[in-house]
Each structure stands twice: as structure tokens, then as C-alpha cells.
N, C-alpha and C. Protein backbone atom coordinates (compact mmCIF):
# COMPACT_ATOMS: atom_id res chain seq x y z
N UNK A 1 -14.07 -16.54 2.44
CA UNK A 1 -13.71 -16.37 4.18
C UNK A 1 -13.80 -14.80 4.44
N UNK A 2 -12.82 -14.15 3.67
CA UNK A 2 -12.80 -12.68 3.88
C UNK A 2 -14.21 -11.78 3.72
N UNK A 3 -14.92 -12.20 2.73
CA UNK A 3 -16.20 -11.70 2.57
C UNK A 3 -17.11 -11.96 3.78
N UNK A 4 -17.35 -13.19 3.95
CA UNK A 4 -18.32 -13.40 4.75
C UNK A 4 -17.95 -13.05 6.16
N UNK A 5 -16.75 -13.20 6.56
CA UNK A 5 -16.24 -12.80 7.79
C UNK A 5 -16.21 -11.16 8.11
N UNK A 6 -16.15 -10.68 6.80
CA UNK A 6 -15.99 -9.20 6.88
C UNK A 6 -17.38 -8.58 7.05
N UNK A 7 -18.19 -9.17 6.30
CA UNK A 7 -19.63 -8.35 6.37
C UNK A 7 -20.24 -8.95 7.69
N UNK A 8 -19.97 -10.07 8.26
CA UNK A 8 -20.65 -10.42 9.49
C UNK A 8 -20.06 -9.95 10.62
N UNK A 9 -18.79 -9.56 10.88
CA UNK A 9 -18.29 -8.97 11.91
C UNK A 9 -18.46 -7.53 11.80
N UNK A 10 -18.38 -6.99 10.47
CA UNK A 10 -18.66 -5.36 10.52
C UNK A 10 -20.05 -5.04 10.77
N UNK A 11 -21.03 -5.82 10.45
CA UNK A 11 -22.45 -5.76 10.87
C UNK A 11 -22.72 -5.84 12.08
N UNK A 12 -22.08 -6.75 12.96
CA UNK A 12 -22.03 -6.87 14.37
C UNK A 12 -21.53 -5.71 15.11
N UNK A 13 -20.68 -4.75 14.43
CA UNK A 13 -20.36 -3.73 15.08
C UNK A 13 -21.17 -2.48 14.81
N UNK A 14 -22.09 -2.67 14.00
CA UNK A 14 -22.92 -1.47 13.82
C UNK A 14 -24.00 -1.16 14.74
N UNK A 15 -24.51 0.03 14.74
CA UNK A 15 -25.40 0.26 15.66
C UNK A 15 -26.67 -0.31 15.50
N UNK A 16 -27.87 -0.29 16.32
CA UNK A 16 -29.05 -1.22 16.32
C UNK A 16 -29.96 -1.10 14.98
N UNK A 17 -29.73 0.15 14.38
CA UNK A 17 -30.53 0.25 13.14
C UNK A 17 -30.07 -0.34 11.94
N UNK A 18 -28.87 -0.93 12.01
CA UNK A 18 -28.23 -1.76 10.82
C UNK A 18 -29.02 -2.94 10.59
N UNK A 19 -29.37 -3.02 9.18
CA UNK A 19 -30.03 -4.47 8.88
C UNK A 19 -29.33 -5.19 7.55
N UNK A 20 -28.70 -6.29 7.88
CA UNK A 20 -28.26 -6.95 6.74
C UNK A 20 -28.98 -7.30 5.72
N UNK A 21 -30.34 -7.42 5.76
CA UNK A 21 -31.23 -7.79 4.67
C UNK A 21 -31.42 -6.50 3.89
N UNK A 22 -31.58 -5.37 4.52
CA UNK A 22 -31.74 -4.06 3.77
C UNK A 22 -30.49 -3.26 3.42
N UNK A 23 -29.64 -3.36 4.40
CA UNK A 23 -28.48 -2.59 3.89
C UNK A 23 -27.14 -3.24 3.42
N UNK A 24 -26.35 -2.57 2.50
CA UNK A 24 -25.35 -2.90 1.74
C UNK A 24 -24.12 -3.29 2.45
N UNK A 25 -23.16 -4.06 1.69
CA UNK A 25 -22.17 -4.33 2.22
C UNK A 25 -21.17 -3.19 2.31
N UNK A 26 -21.39 -2.21 1.07
CA UNK A 26 -20.69 -0.91 1.01
C UNK A 26 -21.06 -0.14 2.21
N UNK A 27 -22.23 -0.31 2.73
CA UNK A 27 -22.64 0.89 4.00
C UNK A 27 -21.64 0.37 4.96
N UNK A 28 -21.13 -0.93 5.07
CA UNK A 28 -20.37 -1.22 6.18
C UNK A 28 -18.93 -0.60 6.19
N UNK A 29 -18.60 -0.35 4.88
CA UNK A 29 -17.19 0.44 4.72
C UNK A 29 -17.38 1.93 4.54
N UNK A 30 -18.74 2.41 4.52
CA UNK A 30 -18.78 3.76 4.22
C UNK A 30 -18.12 4.69 5.36
N UNK A 31 -17.92 5.86 4.94
CA UNK A 31 -17.48 7.01 5.99
C UNK A 31 -18.46 7.24 6.85
N UNK A 32 -18.07 7.03 8.09
CA UNK A 32 -19.11 7.30 9.14
C UNK A 32 -19.66 5.96 9.75
N UNK A 33 -19.32 4.91 9.06
CA UNK A 33 -19.80 3.36 9.50
C UNK A 33 -18.77 3.20 10.80
N UNK A 34 -19.14 2.43 11.79
CA UNK A 34 -18.52 1.97 12.92
C UNK A 34 -17.54 0.94 12.56
N UNK A 35 -16.36 1.31 12.89
CA UNK A 35 -15.19 0.37 12.43
C UNK A 35 -15.28 -0.11 11.09
N UNK A 36 -15.30 0.69 10.11
CA UNK A 36 -15.38 0.68 8.79
C UNK A 36 -14.05 -0.11 8.25
N UNK A 37 -13.15 0.07 9.07
CA UNK A 37 -11.78 -0.57 8.63
C UNK A 37 -11.98 -2.07 8.39
N UNK A 38 -12.76 -2.72 8.87
CA UNK A 38 -13.23 -4.02 8.99
C UNK A 38 -13.76 -4.68 7.53
N UNK A 39 -14.59 -3.96 7.17
CA UNK A 39 -15.15 -4.15 5.84
C UNK A 39 -14.20 -3.51 4.62
N UNK A 40 -13.60 -2.48 4.79
CA UNK A 40 -12.58 -2.07 3.76
C UNK A 40 -11.51 -2.96 3.70
N UNK A 41 -11.09 -3.75 4.66
CA UNK A 41 -9.76 -4.33 4.70
C UNK A 41 -10.36 -5.89 4.01
N UNK A 42 -11.34 -6.17 4.47
CA UNK A 42 -12.04 -7.50 3.83
C UNK A 42 -12.15 -7.20 2.33
N UNK A 43 -12.71 -6.31 1.78
CA UNK A 43 -12.80 -6.03 0.34
C UNK A 43 -11.43 -5.79 -0.37
N UNK A 44 -10.60 -5.16 0.12
CA UNK A 44 -9.49 -5.03 -0.39
C UNK A 44 -8.65 -6.48 -0.42
N UNK A 45 -8.66 -7.18 0.57
CA UNK A 45 -8.10 -8.41 0.73
C UNK A 45 -8.78 -9.44 -0.39
N UNK A 46 -10.09 -9.29 -0.32
CA UNK A 46 -10.85 -10.30 -1.58
C UNK A 46 -10.47 -9.85 -2.95
N UNK A 47 -10.19 -8.56 -2.86
CA UNK A 47 -9.73 -8.03 -4.32
C UNK A 47 -8.47 -8.63 -4.83
N UNK A 48 -7.47 -8.62 -3.74
CA UNK A 48 -6.17 -9.20 -4.01
C UNK A 48 -6.14 -10.59 -4.19
N UNK A 49 -7.07 -11.28 -3.71
CA UNK A 49 -7.30 -12.74 -3.90
C UNK A 49 -7.98 -13.13 -5.22
N UNK A 50 -8.67 -12.35 -5.84
CA UNK A 50 -9.28 -12.57 -7.02
C UNK A 50 -8.01 -12.33 -8.26
N UNK A 51 -7.33 -11.18 -7.89
CA UNK A 51 -6.41 -10.81 -8.71
C UNK A 51 -5.17 -11.98 -8.82
N UNK A 52 -4.93 -12.50 -7.45
CA UNK A 52 -3.95 -13.61 -7.30
C UNK A 52 -4.37 -14.84 -8.13
N UNK A 53 -5.64 -15.13 -8.00
CA UNK A 53 -6.30 -16.33 -8.66
C UNK A 53 -6.30 -15.98 -10.19
N UNK A 54 -6.67 -15.13 -10.44
CA UNK A 54 -6.50 -14.85 -12.17
C UNK A 54 -5.10 -14.94 -12.75
N UNK A 55 -4.20 -14.50 -11.74
CA UNK A 55 -2.50 -14.54 -12.40
C UNK A 55 -2.13 -16.15 -12.20
N UNK A 56 -2.86 -16.79 -11.41
CA UNK A 56 -2.22 -18.22 -11.17
C UNK A 56 -3.09 -19.30 -11.69
N UNK A 57 -4.31 -18.97 -12.18
CA UNK A 57 -5.25 -20.17 -12.75
C UNK A 57 -4.96 -20.52 -14.08
N UNK A 58 -3.88 -21.01 -14.43
CA UNK A 58 -3.31 -21.34 -15.60
C UNK A 58 -4.34 -22.09 -16.69
N UNK A 59 -4.86 -23.08 -16.03
CA UNK A 59 -5.93 -23.94 -17.16
C UNK A 59 -7.01 -23.09 -17.71
N UNK A 60 -7.38 -21.83 -17.06
CA UNK A 60 -8.47 -21.18 -17.58
C UNK A 60 -8.09 -20.29 -18.69
N UNK A 61 -8.99 -19.72 -19.55
CA UNK A 61 -8.57 -19.13 -20.85
C UNK A 61 -8.21 -17.71 -20.54
N UNK A 62 -7.45 -17.25 -21.13
CA UNK A 62 -6.79 -15.93 -20.97
C UNK A 62 -7.56 -14.77 -20.91
N UNK A 63 -8.65 -14.60 -21.43
CA UNK A 63 -9.78 -13.38 -21.41
C UNK A 63 -10.23 -13.65 -20.11
N UNK A 64 -10.82 -14.72 -19.66
CA UNK A 64 -11.33 -15.11 -18.51
C UNK A 64 -10.52 -14.67 -17.30
N UNK A 65 -9.21 -15.15 -17.32
CA UNK A 65 -8.31 -14.50 -16.15
C UNK A 65 -7.88 -13.32 -16.12
N UNK A 66 -7.85 -12.52 -17.32
CA UNK A 66 -7.81 -11.06 -17.49
C UNK A 66 -8.98 -10.44 -16.54
N UNK A 67 -10.11 -10.96 -17.01
CA UNK A 67 -11.43 -10.56 -16.31
C UNK A 67 -11.26 -10.65 -14.83
N UNK A 68 -10.94 -11.78 -14.50
CA UNK A 68 -10.89 -11.86 -13.01
C UNK A 68 -9.84 -11.09 -12.28
N UNK A 69 -8.70 -10.83 -12.79
CA UNK A 69 -7.74 -9.97 -12.32
C UNK A 69 -8.44 -8.42 -12.32
N UNK A 70 -8.85 -8.19 -13.39
CA UNK A 70 -9.57 -6.89 -13.52
C UNK A 70 -10.70 -6.68 -12.54
N UNK A 71 -11.36 -7.78 -12.34
CA UNK A 71 -12.73 -7.80 -11.11
C UNK A 71 -11.95 -7.39 -9.86
N UNK A 72 -10.81 -8.25 -9.43
CA UNK A 72 -10.00 -8.12 -8.32
C UNK A 72 -9.55 -6.79 -8.08
N UNK A 73 -8.93 -6.14 -9.15
CA UNK A 73 -8.46 -4.63 -9.00
C UNK A 73 -9.80 -3.78 -9.01
N UNK A 74 -10.84 -3.87 -9.51
CA UNK A 74 -12.05 -3.06 -9.33
C UNK A 74 -12.55 -3.18 -7.76
N UNK A 75 -12.37 -4.52 -7.34
CA UNK A 75 -12.95 -4.70 -5.84
C UNK A 75 -12.08 -3.90 -4.73
N UNK A 76 -10.76 -3.81 -5.25
CA UNK A 76 -9.87 -2.92 -4.25
C UNK A 76 -10.10 -1.62 -4.51
N UNK A 77 -10.61 -1.18 -5.76
CA UNK A 77 -10.99 0.39 -5.80
C UNK A 77 -12.29 0.47 -5.27
N UNK A 78 -13.36 -0.62 -5.07
CA UNK A 78 -14.51 -0.35 -4.16
C UNK A 78 -13.99 -0.02 -2.68
N UNK A 79 -12.94 -0.63 -2.22
CA UNK A 79 -12.63 -0.48 -0.85
C UNK A 79 -11.91 0.92 -0.72
N UNK A 80 -11.26 1.14 -2.12
CA UNK A 80 -10.50 2.55 -1.81
C UNK A 80 -11.52 3.88 -1.99
N UNK A 81 -12.69 3.64 -2.62
CA UNK A 81 -13.51 4.86 -2.89
C UNK A 81 -14.88 4.46 -1.92
N UNK A 82 -14.82 4.70 -0.78
CA UNK A 82 -16.08 4.47 -0.02
C UNK A 82 -17.47 5.40 -0.17
N UNK A 83 -18.30 4.79 0.11
CA UNK A 83 -19.42 5.69 0.06
C UNK A 83 -19.46 6.81 1.11
N UNK A 84 -20.03 7.94 0.79
CA UNK A 84 -20.13 8.76 2.04
C UNK A 84 -21.12 8.36 2.91
N UNK A 85 -21.14 9.11 4.10
CA UNK A 85 -22.13 8.76 5.10
C UNK A 85 -23.35 8.92 4.78
N UNK A 86 -23.71 9.79 3.92
CA UNK A 86 -25.03 9.84 3.39
C UNK A 86 -24.96 10.02 1.94
N UNK A 87 -25.95 9.43 1.24
CA UNK A 87 -25.85 9.64 -0.28
C UNK A 87 -25.02 8.74 -1.06
N UNK A 88 -24.54 9.04 -2.39
CA UNK A 88 -23.67 8.04 -3.05
C UNK A 88 -22.65 8.46 -3.64
N UNK A 89 -21.61 7.69 -3.81
CA UNK A 89 -20.24 8.34 -4.57
C UNK A 89 -20.17 7.57 -5.82
N UNK A 90 -20.02 8.44 -7.04
CA UNK A 90 -19.89 8.13 -8.34
C UNK A 90 -19.03 7.11 -8.46
N UNK A 91 -17.81 7.45 -7.88
CA UNK A 91 -16.47 6.52 -7.85
C UNK A 91 -16.56 5.13 -7.45
N UNK A 92 -17.50 5.22 -6.31
CA UNK A 92 -17.74 4.03 -5.73
C UNK A 92 -18.63 3.23 -6.70
N UNK A 93 -19.70 3.78 -7.08
CA UNK A 93 -20.62 3.04 -8.00
C UNK A 93 -20.20 2.44 -9.24
N UNK A 94 -19.11 3.34 -9.83
CA UNK A 94 -18.53 2.79 -11.07
C UNK A 94 -17.64 1.68 -10.73
N UNK A 95 -16.81 1.81 -9.63
CA UNK A 95 -15.97 0.72 -9.42
C UNK A 95 -16.84 -0.60 -9.12
N UNK A 96 -17.72 -0.74 -8.19
CA UNK A 96 -18.67 -1.61 -7.78
C UNK A 96 -19.34 -2.22 -8.92
N UNK A 97 -19.74 -1.36 -9.84
CA UNK A 97 -20.32 -1.81 -11.16
C UNK A 97 -19.33 -2.66 -12.06
N UNK A 98 -18.09 -2.20 -12.22
CA UNK A 98 -17.13 -2.76 -12.82
C UNK A 98 -16.82 -4.26 -12.13
N UNK A 99 -16.62 -4.05 -10.71
CA UNK A 99 -16.27 -5.46 -10.19
C UNK A 99 -17.24 -6.34 -10.30
N UNK A 100 -18.59 -6.10 -10.08
CA UNK A 100 -19.60 -6.97 -10.26
C UNK A 100 -19.88 -7.66 -11.63
N UNK A 101 -19.64 -6.74 -12.66
CA UNK A 101 -19.66 -7.09 -13.94
C UNK A 101 -18.82 -8.04 -14.35
N UNK A 102 -17.49 -7.57 -14.27
CA UNK A 102 -16.21 -8.58 -14.62
C UNK A 102 -16.20 -9.80 -13.85
N UNK A 103 -16.68 -9.86 -12.63
CA UNK A 103 -16.51 -11.04 -11.67
C UNK A 103 -17.78 -12.00 -12.24
N UNK A 104 -18.89 -11.47 -12.96
CA UNK A 104 -19.85 -12.11 -13.36
C UNK A 104 -19.54 -12.94 -14.60
N UNK A 105 -18.87 -12.13 -15.16
CA UNK A 105 -18.61 -12.55 -16.88
C UNK A 105 -17.39 -13.45 -16.87
N UNK A 106 -16.31 -13.42 -16.01
CA UNK A 106 -15.26 -14.08 -16.40
C UNK A 106 -15.35 -15.51 -16.39
N UNK A 107 -16.46 -16.26 -15.98
CA UNK A 107 -16.23 -17.59 -15.97
C UNK A 107 -16.71 -18.14 -17.49
N UNK A 108 -17.42 -17.39 -18.41
CA UNK A 108 -17.84 -17.82 -19.84
C UNK A 108 -16.40 -17.51 -20.53
N UNK A 109 -15.88 -16.61 -20.08
CA UNK A 109 -14.45 -16.31 -21.08
C UNK A 109 -13.08 -17.21 -20.46
N UNK A 110 -13.51 -17.94 -19.35
CA UNK A 110 -12.42 -18.67 -18.84
C UNK A 110 -12.39 -20.24 -19.28
N UNK A 111 -13.72 -20.39 -20.02
CA UNK A 111 -14.01 -21.93 -20.36
C UNK A 111 -12.88 -22.31 -21.59
N UNK A 112 -12.54 -23.42 -21.43
CA UNK A 112 -11.51 -24.06 -22.34
C UNK A 112 -12.15 -25.40 -22.84
N UNK A 113 -11.73 -25.68 -24.04
CA UNK A 113 -12.15 -27.17 -24.70
C UNK A 113 -11.06 -28.05 -24.19
N UNK A 114 -11.57 -29.38 -23.79
CA UNK A 114 -10.74 -30.42 -23.55
C UNK A 114 -9.87 -30.27 -22.54
N UNK A 115 -10.08 -29.37 -21.40
CA UNK A 115 -9.34 -29.36 -20.36
C UNK A 115 -9.23 -30.39 -19.43
N UNK A 116 -10.33 -31.11 -19.28
CA UNK A 116 -10.36 -32.28 -18.20
C UNK A 116 -10.92 -31.74 -17.02
N UNK A 117 -11.02 -30.35 -16.74
CA UNK A 117 -11.30 -29.74 -15.53
C UNK A 117 -13.04 -29.32 -15.60
N UNK A 118 -13.77 -30.08 -14.75
CA UNK A 118 -15.32 -29.93 -15.14
C UNK A 118 -15.78 -28.59 -15.07
N UNK A 119 -15.16 -27.60 -14.13
CA UNK A 119 -15.82 -26.35 -13.90
C UNK A 119 -15.08 -25.44 -14.83
N UNK A 120 -14.37 -25.74 -15.86
CA UNK A 120 -13.93 -24.91 -16.84
C UNK A 120 -14.48 -25.27 -18.14
N UNK A 121 -15.54 -26.29 -18.20
CA UNK A 121 -16.16 -26.66 -19.56
C UNK A 121 -17.22 -25.50 -19.79
N UNK A 122 -17.62 -25.48 -21.24
CA UNK A 122 -18.57 -24.32 -21.64
C UNK A 122 -20.00 -24.45 -20.99
N UNK A 123 -20.30 -25.50 -20.62
CA UNK A 123 -21.65 -25.71 -19.83
C UNK A 123 -21.69 -25.11 -18.58
N UNK A 124 -20.55 -25.63 -17.68
CA UNK A 124 -20.25 -25.19 -16.37
C UNK A 124 -20.08 -23.81 -16.36
N UNK A 125 -19.40 -23.03 -17.24
CA UNK A 125 -18.97 -21.58 -17.40
C UNK A 125 -20.04 -20.74 -17.58
N UNK A 126 -20.84 -21.16 -18.63
CA UNK A 126 -21.96 -20.30 -19.11
C UNK A 126 -23.02 -20.51 -17.89
N UNK A 127 -23.33 -21.64 -17.18
CA UNK A 127 -24.21 -21.64 -16.11
C UNK A 127 -23.77 -20.91 -15.08
N UNK A 128 -22.54 -20.75 -14.75
CA UNK A 128 -22.09 -20.04 -13.56
C UNK A 128 -22.18 -18.43 -13.89
N UNK A 129 -21.90 -17.98 -15.25
CA UNK A 129 -22.23 -16.92 -15.64
C UNK A 129 -23.52 -16.35 -15.57
N UNK A 130 -24.45 -17.24 -16.09
CA UNK A 130 -25.91 -16.97 -16.19
C UNK A 130 -26.38 -16.77 -14.59
N UNK A 131 -26.02 -17.65 -13.83
CA UNK A 131 -26.41 -17.72 -12.44
C UNK A 131 -26.04 -16.22 -11.68
N UNK A 132 -24.83 -15.88 -11.96
CA UNK A 132 -24.32 -14.57 -11.41
C UNK A 132 -24.91 -13.23 -11.98
N UNK A 133 -25.29 -13.26 -13.38
CA UNK A 133 -25.75 -12.27 -13.71
C UNK A 133 -27.56 -12.37 -13.06
N UNK A 134 -28.12 -13.43 -12.89
CA UNK A 134 -29.42 -13.21 -12.51
C UNK A 134 -29.23 -12.85 -11.07
N UNK A 135 -28.20 -13.17 -10.28
CA UNK A 135 -28.31 -12.61 -8.71
C UNK A 135 -28.03 -11.05 -8.90
N UNK A 136 -27.00 -10.51 -10.01
CA UNK A 136 -26.77 -9.37 -10.17
C UNK A 136 -28.12 -8.38 -10.63
N UNK A 137 -29.15 -9.37 -11.49
CA UNK A 137 -30.20 -8.39 -11.73
C UNK A 137 -31.31 -8.38 -10.70
N UNK A 138 -31.17 -9.42 -9.79
CA UNK A 138 -31.92 -9.23 -8.44
C UNK A 138 -31.38 -7.93 -7.55
N UNK A 139 -30.25 -7.81 -7.54
CA UNK A 139 -29.71 -6.78 -6.87
C UNK A 139 -29.93 -5.45 -7.48
N UNK A 140 -29.75 -5.39 -8.77
CA UNK A 140 -30.23 -4.06 -9.36
C UNK A 140 -31.49 -3.88 -9.17
N UNK A 141 -32.52 -4.85 -9.22
CA UNK A 141 -34.00 -4.71 -8.99
C UNK A 141 -34.44 -4.24 -7.66
N UNK A 142 -33.42 -4.75 -6.71
CA UNK A 142 -33.70 -4.35 -5.24
C UNK A 142 -32.99 -3.07 -4.90
N UNK A 143 -32.39 -2.27 -5.79
CA UNK A 143 -31.50 -1.06 -5.42
C UNK A 143 -32.07 -0.26 -4.48
N UNK A 144 -33.79 -0.09 -4.69
CA UNK A 144 -34.34 0.85 -3.71
C UNK A 144 -35.24 -0.12 -2.83
N UNK A 145 -35.11 -1.24 -2.87
CA UNK A 145 -35.97 -2.25 -2.11
C UNK A 145 -35.46 -2.63 -0.71
N UNK A 146 -36.27 -3.18 -0.17
CA UNK A 146 -36.08 -3.63 1.41
C UNK A 146 -35.25 -5.09 1.39
N UNK A 147 -34.81 -5.64 0.17
CA UNK A 147 -33.80 -6.58 0.45
C UNK A 147 -32.55 -6.56 -0.59
N UNK A 148 -32.22 -5.34 -0.75
CA UNK A 148 -31.07 -5.03 -1.43
C UNK A 148 -29.61 -5.45 -0.68
N UNK A 149 -29.36 -5.70 0.39
CA UNK A 149 -28.56 -6.12 1.26
C UNK A 149 -28.42 -7.58 0.96
N UNK A 150 -29.33 -8.38 1.02
CA UNK A 150 -29.49 -9.70 0.91
C UNK A 150 -29.20 -10.15 -0.37
N UNK A 151 -29.80 -9.26 -1.37
CA UNK A 151 -29.47 -9.54 -2.91
C UNK A 151 -27.83 -9.22 -3.26
N UNK A 152 -27.38 -8.26 -2.79
CA UNK A 152 -26.04 -7.97 -2.85
C UNK A 152 -25.04 -8.79 -2.39
N UNK A 153 -25.54 -9.37 -1.16
CA UNK A 153 -24.59 -10.42 -0.52
C UNK A 153 -24.80 -11.85 -1.13
N UNK A 154 -25.82 -12.29 -1.81
CA UNK A 154 -25.96 -13.32 -2.57
C UNK A 154 -25.04 -13.30 -3.78
N UNK A 155 -25.17 -12.16 -4.36
CA UNK A 155 -24.30 -11.97 -5.74
C UNK A 155 -22.79 -11.88 -5.42
N UNK A 156 -22.52 -11.10 -4.40
CA UNK A 156 -21.08 -11.19 -3.85
C UNK A 156 -20.40 -12.51 -3.63
N UNK A 157 -21.38 -13.22 -2.82
CA UNK A 157 -20.98 -14.71 -2.35
C UNK A 157 -20.75 -15.67 -3.66
N UNK A 158 -21.71 -15.55 -4.59
CA UNK A 158 -21.62 -16.37 -5.50
C UNK A 158 -20.33 -15.82 -6.50
N UNK A 159 -20.11 -14.76 -6.77
CA UNK A 159 -18.79 -14.32 -7.27
C UNK A 159 -17.60 -14.53 -6.39
N UNK A 160 -17.63 -14.69 -5.35
CA UNK A 160 -16.49 -15.05 -4.61
C UNK A 160 -16.19 -16.61 -4.56
N UNK A 161 -17.25 -17.31 -4.46
CA UNK A 161 -17.11 -18.81 -4.47
C UNK A 161 -16.80 -19.46 -5.84
N UNK A 162 -17.19 -18.85 -6.97
CA UNK A 162 -16.87 -19.52 -8.19
C UNK A 162 -15.29 -19.61 -8.52
N UNK A 163 -14.53 -18.44 -8.07
CA UNK A 163 -13.12 -18.85 -8.38
C UNK A 163 -12.54 -19.74 -7.53
N UNK A 164 -13.11 -19.92 -6.46
CA UNK A 164 -12.52 -20.99 -5.49
C UNK A 164 -12.73 -22.27 -5.78
N UNK A 165 -14.08 -22.59 -6.23
CA UNK A 165 -14.51 -23.87 -6.94
C UNK A 165 -13.83 -24.04 -8.13
N UNK A 166 -13.46 -23.21 -8.83
CA UNK A 166 -12.63 -23.60 -10.38
C UNK A 166 -11.26 -24.15 -9.76
N UNK A 167 -10.64 -23.40 -8.75
CA UNK A 167 -9.38 -23.69 -8.46
C UNK A 167 -9.34 -25.30 -7.92
N UNK A 168 -10.19 -25.44 -6.87
CA UNK A 168 -10.36 -26.65 -6.29
C UNK A 168 -10.69 -27.74 -7.33
N UNK A 169 -11.41 -27.61 -8.37
CA UNK A 169 -11.70 -28.44 -9.57
C UNK A 169 -10.32 -28.74 -10.28
N UNK A 170 -9.56 -27.60 -10.62
CA UNK A 170 -8.44 -27.65 -11.33
C UNK A 170 -7.50 -28.56 -10.54
N UNK A 171 -7.48 -28.28 -9.31
CA UNK A 171 -6.27 -29.17 -8.56
C UNK A 171 -6.59 -30.60 -8.57
N UNK A 172 -7.95 -30.87 -8.27
CA UNK A 172 -8.38 -32.18 -8.47
C UNK A 172 -8.13 -33.02 -9.66
N UNK A 173 -8.81 -32.13 -11.01
CA UNK A 173 -8.55 -32.69 -12.12
C UNK A 173 -7.00 -32.81 -12.46
N UNK A 174 -6.01 -32.11 -12.07
CA UNK A 174 -4.77 -32.38 -12.38
C UNK A 174 -3.85 -33.00 -11.52
N UNK A 175 -4.75 -33.32 -10.27
CA UNK A 175 -3.88 -34.13 -9.18
C UNK A 175 -3.38 -35.47 -9.84
N UNK A 176 -4.03 -36.16 -10.61
CA UNK A 176 -3.53 -37.27 -11.43
C UNK A 176 -2.29 -37.45 -12.33
N UNK A 177 -2.50 -36.14 -13.00
CA UNK A 177 -1.40 -35.70 -13.83
C UNK A 177 -0.17 -35.54 -13.16
N UNK A 178 0.03 -34.91 -11.98
CA UNK A 178 1.02 -34.48 -11.32
C UNK A 178 1.87 -35.65 -10.81
N UNK A 179 1.32 -36.91 -10.59
CA UNK A 179 1.84 -37.82 -9.91
C UNK A 179 2.93 -38.61 -10.95
């Protein structure tokens, strides 16, 4: 919710030359962007949600949980190190690369044998990681292309949805145990 509302509202506040298909989420929080606080706040909140989920998702494997927390902290750093009005900031690129990579990798390390949680099985986790890395590859290939904003949004949305789906899956699977 934070991610989608953040990039939708922030994009609506930009001047007429902004294009969500072409322009990145980071450009919405860049120095000089109109109401950059909207996307900055959404990114920081999203990062906090990743970290909280990593700390609380006990059924997941410990390495996966650690990567999810790390991805959350890296997402907070993405918000803390904005892109300049023109050009690129190395600190932002490093934070974004770390965030995208750890958030794409965490599912495969979170898989557990015999948890009874469908989205924490090896098959589901490997599939999720493969799908997220495929979307990241698309984003990398579009870095100078006309669809880089769309590619980034697809990758970011997949990475934001997977922890949510795993939590829902975990709650549903353990619901019968709690009674």
C-alpha cells in the first residue's frame, strides 16, 4: 500500500513532463522533485515494514529473515540518500542495489522443510526468487531504456507483495494450530 500509494500520489504531483513508464521511483524522491517527501516517506515506511516483517516472521528460515531485515534497512537508506536533481548519486545506487538484491534473494533462504506453510516451501520460494530476479534483470536491461520506470515498479511491487503473501500464508496455515 505504501509503495503503490507513494509512487501514484508522488507521480500525480510532478510536472507534466514526468512519465511513470519511463521515469523511476527514485526520481519521485530526488532532490528537486515536487513534493519529494511523499515518495521519501513511502520508501522509509516500506523499509520499516520489511524490517518488522523480517523480525516477526518466525516460521521463515533465519537467513531469509535476516535478508528481509537487511533489505528493509537498505530501503530506508534509499530514502535517506536521494538522487540529485540531475545525474546519479553513488550512495543511492549502492543502497538501491543492496535493497533490490536482498529483497529478491530472501525467499529462497526463508524456505523451510515441513512447515506446512505453502509459500515457505522450497518450490514456492525458488519460484518467487527466480521471478523477482527476472524482473530485476528487466530493470537492469531497461536502465537507459524507455520502460525503466515500468520495469522498476514491477520489480519493486513483486518484492513488496511477496512478504505480505508469505505472512498471510503463514497466518492461514497456523490458524488451525492456534485453536
